[in-house]
Amino acid sequence: MATQDYEVGYKKPPVNRQFGKPEGNKRRQGFWDIEASARYKLEQMLKLSENELKMVALDKEAPLFERKLANCIAKGNWKEIEGMMNQVYGQPKQKIESVITAPKPLVDLTERKKNGE
């Protein structure tokens, strides 16, 4: 698209200010770092081999979360891994089926008389 054909206006920023351009919005510029999130660390740990997991678990300089996660994965503590994954990704959807039955009336109201008759 030629610059002379491009009209700047509402939802049409100048070409040099568009997303990804040098003067535009930078990629991954947010208030939190993706690489420091528990989800990212969990996904990276799942890619490691058994020897690499043991090295992380024994590294005293590694964060406690990473060491515990490496221990759980290496030892196969599936209950703890499931708890960690539920904390990171949220609980999986659970289907709850409920059946409501209408209660049977104690007195048949169709035979009731008006005003005590």
N, C-alpha and C. Protein backbone atom coordinates (compact mmCIF):
# COMPACT_ATOMS: atom_id res chain seq x y z
N MET A 1 0.86 -1.18 0.00
CA MET A 1 0.00 0.00 0.00
C MET A 1 0.90 1.23 0.00
N ALA A 2 0.69 2.13 -0.88
CA ALA A 2 1.49 3.35 -0.97
C ALA A 2 1.08 4.31 0.13
N THR A 3 2.04 5.11 0.61
CA THR A 3 1.74 6.04 1.70
C THR A 3 0.81 7.16 1.27
N GLN A 4 0.85 7.58 -0.01
CA GLN A 4 -0.04 8.66 -0.44
C GLN A 4 -1.49 8.18 -0.53
N ASP A 5 -1.72 6.85 -0.73
CA ASP A 5 -3.07 6.31 -0.80
C ASP A 5 -3.66 6.04 0.58
N TYR A 6 -2.82 6.04 1.60
CA TYR A 6 -3.26 5.68 2.95
C TYR A 6 -3.82 6.90 3.66
N GLU A 7 -5.04 6.78 4.16
CA GLU A 7 -5.70 7.88 4.85
C GLU A 7 -5.58 7.68 6.35
N VAL A 8 -5.05 8.65 7.05
CA VAL A 8 -4.90 8.59 8.50
C VAL A 8 -6.17 9.13 9.13
N GLY A 9 -6.67 8.43 10.14
CA GLY A 9 -7.89 8.85 10.81
C GLY A 9 -8.25 7.89 11.93
N TYR A 10 -9.54 7.83 12.24
CA TYR A 10 -10.03 6.97 13.31
C TYR A 10 -9.71 5.51 12.99
N LYS A 11 -9.01 4.84 13.88
CA LYS A 11 -8.56 3.45 13.73
C LYS A 11 -7.64 3.25 12.54
N LYS A 12 -7.02 4.31 12.10
CA LYS A 12 -6.06 4.25 10.99
C LYS A 12 -4.84 5.09 11.37
N PRO A 13 -3.94 4.51 12.18
CA PRO A 13 -2.77 5.29 12.62
C PRO A 13 -1.78 5.47 11.47
N PRO A 14 -0.88 6.44 11.60
CA PRO A 14 0.16 6.60 10.58
C PRO A 14 0.96 5.30 10.45
N VAL A 15 1.46 5.02 9.28
CA VAL A 15 2.14 3.75 9.01
C VAL A 15 3.31 3.53 9.97
N ASN A 16 4.07 4.58 10.26
CA ASN A 16 5.23 4.41 11.14
C ASN A 16 4.83 4.17 12.60
N ARG A 17 3.57 4.38 12.97
CA ARG A 17 3.11 4.18 14.35
C ARG A 17 2.28 2.90 14.51
N GLN A 18 2.15 2.12 13.47
CA GLN A 18 1.35 0.91 13.55
C GLN A 18 2.05 -0.15 14.40
N PHE A 19 1.27 -1.14 14.81
CA PHE A 19 1.76 -2.20 15.69
C PHE A 19 2.96 -2.91 15.07
N GLY A 20 4.04 -3.02 15.84
CA GLY A 20 5.23 -3.72 15.39
C GLY A 20 6.24 -2.86 14.68
N LYS A 21 5.88 -1.64 14.33
CA LYS A 21 6.82 -0.74 13.65
C LYS A 21 7.72 -0.10 14.72
N PRO A 22 8.87 0.47 14.32
CA PRO A 22 9.80 1.03 15.30
C PRO A 22 9.20 2.10 16.21
N GLU A 23 8.32 2.94 15.69
CA GLU A 23 7.72 3.98 16.52
C GLU A 23 6.34 3.58 17.04
N GLY A 24 5.89 2.38 16.71
CA GLY A 24 4.56 1.93 17.12
C GLY A 24 4.59 1.19 18.45
N ASN A 25 3.48 0.50 18.75
CA ASN A 25 3.41 -0.29 19.97
C ASN A 25 4.41 -1.43 19.90
N LYS A 26 5.11 -1.63 20.98
CA LYS A 26 6.08 -2.71 21.04
C LYS A 26 5.37 -4.02 21.34
N ARG A 27 5.89 -5.10 20.85
CA ARG A 27 5.33 -6.42 21.13
C ARG A 27 5.70 -6.82 22.56
N ARG A 28 4.78 -7.56 23.20
CA ARG A 28 4.96 -8.09 24.56
C ARG A 28 5.28 -6.99 25.57
N GLN A 29 4.74 -5.84 25.42
CA GLN A 29 4.95 -4.80 26.40
C GLN A 29 3.71 -4.75 27.27
N GLY A 30 3.79 -5.37 28.41
CA GLY A 30 2.66 -5.41 29.31
C GLY A 30 3.14 -5.20 30.73
N PHE A 31 2.25 -5.39 31.66
CA PHE A 31 2.60 -5.16 33.06
C PHE A 31 3.15 -6.42 33.71
N TRP A 32 3.13 -7.57 33.02
CA TRP A 32 3.70 -8.79 33.59
C TRP A 32 4.53 -9.51 32.55
N ASP A 33 5.51 -10.26 33.03
CA ASP A 33 6.43 -10.96 32.16
C ASP A 33 5.95 -12.39 31.97
N ILE A 34 5.72 -12.78 30.74
CA ILE A 34 5.21 -14.11 30.43
C ILE A 34 6.18 -15.18 30.92
N GLU A 35 7.47 -14.95 30.77
CA GLU A 35 8.47 -15.95 31.14
C GLU A 35 8.59 -16.15 32.64
N ALA A 36 8.05 -15.25 33.44
CA ALA A 36 8.09 -15.40 34.89
C ALA A 36 6.81 -16.02 35.43
N SER A 37 5.84 -16.30 34.56
CA SER A 37 4.57 -16.83 35.02
C SER A 37 4.67 -18.33 35.32
N ALA A 38 3.82 -18.80 36.20
CA ALA A 38 3.80 -20.22 36.57
C ALA A 38 3.45 -21.09 35.37
N ARG A 39 2.58 -20.62 34.52
CA ARG A 39 2.17 -21.39 33.33
C ARG A 39 3.35 -21.63 32.41
N TYR A 40 4.13 -20.59 32.15
CA TYR A 40 5.29 -20.71 31.27
C TYR A 40 6.31 -21.68 31.87
N LYS A 41 6.57 -21.54 33.18
CA LYS A 41 7.55 -22.42 33.83
C LYS A 41 7.10 -23.86 33.81
N LEU A 42 5.81 -24.10 34.03
CA LEU A 42 5.28 -25.45 34.00
C LEU A 42 5.45 -26.05 32.60
N GLU A 43 5.14 -25.28 31.57
CA GLU A 43 5.27 -25.77 30.21
C GLU A 43 6.72 -26.06 29.85
N GLN A 44 7.65 -25.25 30.36
CA GLN A 44 9.07 -25.49 30.09
C GLN A 44 9.56 -26.74 30.82
N MET A 45 9.08 -26.97 32.04
CA MET A 45 9.48 -28.15 32.81
C MET A 45 9.00 -29.43 32.15
N LEU A 46 7.84 -29.38 31.51
CA LEU A 46 7.31 -30.57 30.87
C LEU A 46 8.15 -30.99 29.67
N LYS A 47 8.98 -30.10 29.14
CA LYS A 47 9.83 -30.40 28.00
C LYS A 47 11.17 -31.03 28.40
N LEU A 48 11.53 -30.96 29.69
CA LEU A 48 12.84 -31.41 30.13
C LEU A 48 12.93 -32.92 30.24
N SER A 49 14.15 -33.44 30.08
CA SER A 49 14.39 -34.87 30.25
C SER A 49 14.51 -35.18 31.74
N GLU A 50 14.60 -36.45 32.07
CA GLU A 50 14.68 -36.87 33.48
C GLU A 50 15.96 -36.35 34.14
N ASN A 51 17.08 -36.40 33.43
CA ASN A 51 18.34 -35.90 34.00
C ASN A 51 18.29 -34.39 34.22
N GLU A 52 17.70 -33.68 33.27
CA GLU A 52 17.58 -32.22 33.42
C GLU A 52 16.67 -31.87 34.60
N LEU A 53 15.60 -32.63 34.79
CA LEU A 53 14.71 -32.40 35.93
C LEU A 53 15.45 -32.61 37.25
N LYS A 54 16.28 -33.64 37.31
CA LYS A 54 17.05 -33.90 38.53
C LYS A 54 18.03 -32.77 38.80
N MET A 55 18.64 -32.23 37.74
CA MET A 55 19.57 -31.11 37.91
C MET A 55 18.85 -29.88 38.46
N VAL A 56 17.66 -29.61 37.96
CA VAL A 56 16.88 -28.46 38.45
C VAL A 56 16.48 -28.69 39.91
N ALA A 57 16.07 -29.92 40.24
CA ALA A 57 15.63 -30.24 41.60
C ALA A 57 16.77 -30.10 42.60
N LEU A 58 18.00 -30.38 42.20
CA LEU A 58 19.15 -30.30 43.11
C LEU A 58 19.81 -28.93 43.13
N ASP A 59 19.44 -28.05 42.21
CA ASP A 59 20.04 -26.72 42.13
C ASP A 59 19.46 -25.83 43.23
N LYS A 60 20.31 -25.45 44.19
CA LYS A 60 19.87 -24.62 45.32
C LYS A 60 19.62 -23.17 44.91
N GLU A 61 20.13 -22.77 43.76
CA GLU A 61 19.93 -21.40 43.27
C GLU A 61 18.61 -21.25 42.51
N ALA A 62 18.02 -22.36 42.10
CA ALA A 62 16.76 -22.30 41.35
C ALA A 62 15.62 -21.91 42.29
N PRO A 63 14.60 -21.24 41.78
CA PRO A 63 13.45 -20.88 42.62
C PRO A 63 12.78 -22.13 43.19
N LEU A 64 12.17 -21.97 44.36
CA LEU A 64 11.53 -23.09 45.06
C LEU A 64 10.43 -23.72 44.21
N PHE A 65 9.64 -22.90 43.52
CA PHE A 65 8.57 -23.42 42.68
C PHE A 65 9.13 -24.37 41.62
N GLU A 66 10.21 -23.96 40.97
CA GLU A 66 10.80 -24.79 39.92
C GLU A 66 11.37 -26.08 40.50
N ARG A 67 12.00 -26.00 41.68
CA ARG A 67 12.56 -27.21 42.31
C ARG A 67 11.45 -28.18 42.69
N LYS A 68 10.38 -27.66 43.30
CA LYS A 68 9.27 -28.54 43.70
C LYS A 68 8.59 -29.16 42.48
N LEU A 69 8.41 -28.37 41.45
CA LEU A 69 7.79 -28.87 40.23
C LEU A 69 8.66 -29.95 39.60
N ALA A 70 9.97 -29.73 39.56
CA ALA A 70 10.88 -30.73 38.99
C ALA A 70 10.84 -32.02 39.81
N ASN A 71 10.79 -31.91 41.14
CA ASN A 71 10.70 -33.09 42.01
C ASN A 71 9.41 -33.86 41.74
N CYS A 72 8.31 -33.15 41.65
CA CYS A 72 7.01 -33.80 41.42
C CYS A 72 6.99 -34.54 40.09
N ILE A 73 7.50 -33.89 39.04
CA ILE A 73 7.49 -34.51 37.72
C ILE A 73 8.43 -35.71 37.70
N ALA A 74 9.63 -35.55 38.28
CA ALA A 74 10.62 -36.64 38.26
C ALA A 74 10.14 -37.85 39.06
N LYS A 75 9.50 -37.61 40.19
CA LYS A 75 9.04 -38.70 41.05
C LYS A 75 7.69 -39.25 40.62
N GLY A 76 6.97 -38.51 39.81
CA GLY A 76 5.66 -38.98 39.35
C GLY A 76 4.56 -38.77 40.39
N ASN A 77 4.65 -37.70 41.17
CA ASN A 77 3.60 -37.37 42.14
C ASN A 77 2.45 -36.72 41.39
N TRP A 78 1.61 -37.54 40.80
CA TRP A 78 0.57 -37.04 39.91
C TRP A 78 -0.47 -36.20 40.61
N LYS A 79 -0.75 -36.51 41.87
CA LYS A 79 -1.75 -35.73 42.63
C LYS A 79 -1.26 -34.29 42.79
N GLU A 80 0.02 -34.13 43.14
CA GLU A 80 0.57 -32.78 43.30
C GLU A 80 0.67 -32.06 41.96
N ILE A 81 1.06 -32.79 40.91
CA ILE A 81 1.14 -32.18 39.58
C ILE A 81 -0.24 -31.72 39.14
N GLU A 82 -1.25 -32.54 39.40
CA GLU A 82 -2.63 -32.16 39.05
C GLU A 82 -3.04 -30.90 39.80
N GLY A 83 -2.69 -30.81 41.08
CA GLY A 83 -3.01 -29.61 41.86
C GLY A 83 -2.33 -28.38 41.30
N MET A 84 -1.07 -28.52 40.92
CA MET A 84 -0.33 -27.38 40.34
C MET A 84 -0.95 -26.98 39.00
N MET A 85 -1.28 -27.97 38.17
CA MET A 85 -1.87 -27.64 36.87
C MET A 85 -3.23 -26.98 37.04
N ASN A 86 -4.01 -27.42 38.03
CA ASN A 86 -5.30 -26.79 38.26
C ASN A 86 -5.13 -25.35 38.74
N GLN A 87 -4.07 -25.09 39.51
CA GLN A 87 -3.81 -23.72 39.95
C GLN A 87 -3.40 -22.85 38.77
N VAL A 88 -2.64 -23.40 37.84
CA VAL A 88 -2.15 -22.62 36.71
C VAL A 88 -3.21 -22.44 35.64
N TYR A 89 -3.87 -23.54 35.24
CA TYR A 89 -4.82 -23.50 34.12
C TYR A 89 -6.27 -23.37 34.57
N GLY A 90 -6.56 -23.62 35.84
CA GLY A 90 -7.93 -23.61 36.33
C GLY A 90 -8.51 -25.01 36.32
N GLN A 91 -9.56 -25.19 37.09
CA GLN A 91 -10.22 -26.50 37.18
C GLN A 91 -10.81 -26.88 35.84
N PRO A 92 -10.70 -28.15 35.46
CA PRO A 92 -11.38 -28.58 34.23
C PRO A 92 -12.89 -28.52 34.41
N LYS A 93 -13.59 -28.38 33.31
CA LYS A 93 -15.06 -28.30 33.38
C LYS A 93 -15.61 -29.61 33.91
N GLN A 94 -16.57 -29.48 34.80
CA GLN A 94 -17.23 -30.65 35.36
C GLN A 94 -18.71 -30.57 35.03
N LYS A 95 -19.23 -31.68 34.56
CA LYS A 95 -20.64 -31.72 34.21
C LYS A 95 -21.43 -32.13 35.45
N ILE A 96 -22.39 -31.31 35.81
CA ILE A 96 -23.25 -31.59 36.96
C ILE A 96 -24.66 -31.75 36.44
N GLU A 97 -25.24 -32.88 36.73
CA GLU A 97 -26.60 -33.16 36.28
C GLU A 97 -27.52 -33.08 37.49
N SER A 98 -28.56 -32.30 37.37
CA SER A 98 -29.51 -32.19 38.47
C SER A 98 -30.91 -32.51 37.94
N VAL A 99 -31.66 -33.25 38.74
CA VAL A 99 -33.01 -33.63 38.38
C VAL A 99 -33.94 -33.04 39.44
N ILE A 100 -34.89 -32.25 39.00
CA ILE A 100 -35.84 -31.62 39.91
C ILE A 100 -37.20 -32.28 39.70
N THR A 101 -37.74 -32.81 40.77
CA THR A 101 -39.07 -33.43 40.69
C THR A 101 -40.05 -32.54 41.43
N ALA A 102 -41.22 -32.39 40.86
CA ALA A 102 -42.24 -31.56 41.49
C ALA A 102 -42.82 -32.31 42.70
N PRO A 103 -42.91 -31.63 43.84
CA PRO A 103 -43.44 -32.32 45.02
C PRO A 103 -44.95 -32.58 44.88
N LYS A 104 -45.40 -33.65 45.47
CA LYS A 104 -46.81 -34.00 45.43
C LYS A 104 -47.52 -33.23 46.56
N PRO A 105 -48.61 -32.51 46.25
CA PRO A 105 -49.29 -31.74 47.29
C PRO A 105 -49.90 -32.66 48.35
N LEU A 106 -49.93 -32.17 49.58
CA LEU A 106 -50.50 -32.95 50.69
C LEU A 106 -52.02 -33.02 50.60
N VAL A 107 -52.62 -31.94 50.11
CA VAL A 107 -54.08 -31.87 50.02
C VAL A 107 -54.43 -31.59 48.57
N ASP A 108 -55.47 -32.29 48.08
CA ASP A 108 -55.92 -32.06 46.72
C ASP A 108 -56.69 -30.75 46.71
N LEU A 109 -56.13 -29.72 46.08
CA LEU A 109 -56.73 -28.38 46.11
C LEU A 109 -57.93 -28.26 45.18
N THR A 110 -58.13 -29.20 44.29
CA THR A 110 -59.27 -29.12 43.37
C THR A 110 -60.58 -29.43 44.10
N GLU A 111 -60.53 -30.17 45.18
CA GLU A 111 -61.75 -30.54 45.91
C GLU A 111 -62.02 -29.58 47.07
N ARG A 112 -61.17 -28.62 47.27
CA ARG A 112 -61.33 -27.69 48.39
C ARG A 112 -62.51 -26.77 48.13
N LYS A 113 -63.28 -26.48 49.15
CA LYS A 113 -64.48 -25.63 49.02
C LYS A 113 -64.13 -24.20 49.40
N LYS A 114 -64.90 -23.28 48.83
CA LYS A 114 -64.69 -21.85 49.10
C LYS A 114 -65.24 -21.49 50.47
N ASN A 115 -64.55 -20.61 51.15
CA ASN A 115 -64.97 -19.98 52.42
C ASN A 115 -65.55 -21.00 53.40
N GLY A 116 -64.96 -22.12 53.51
CA GLY A 116 -65.36 -23.10 54.51
C GLY A 116 -66.65 -23.83 54.22
N GLU A 117 -67.16 -23.78 53.05
CA GLU A 117 -68.42 -24.46 52.71
C GLU A 117 -68.27 -25.95 52.77
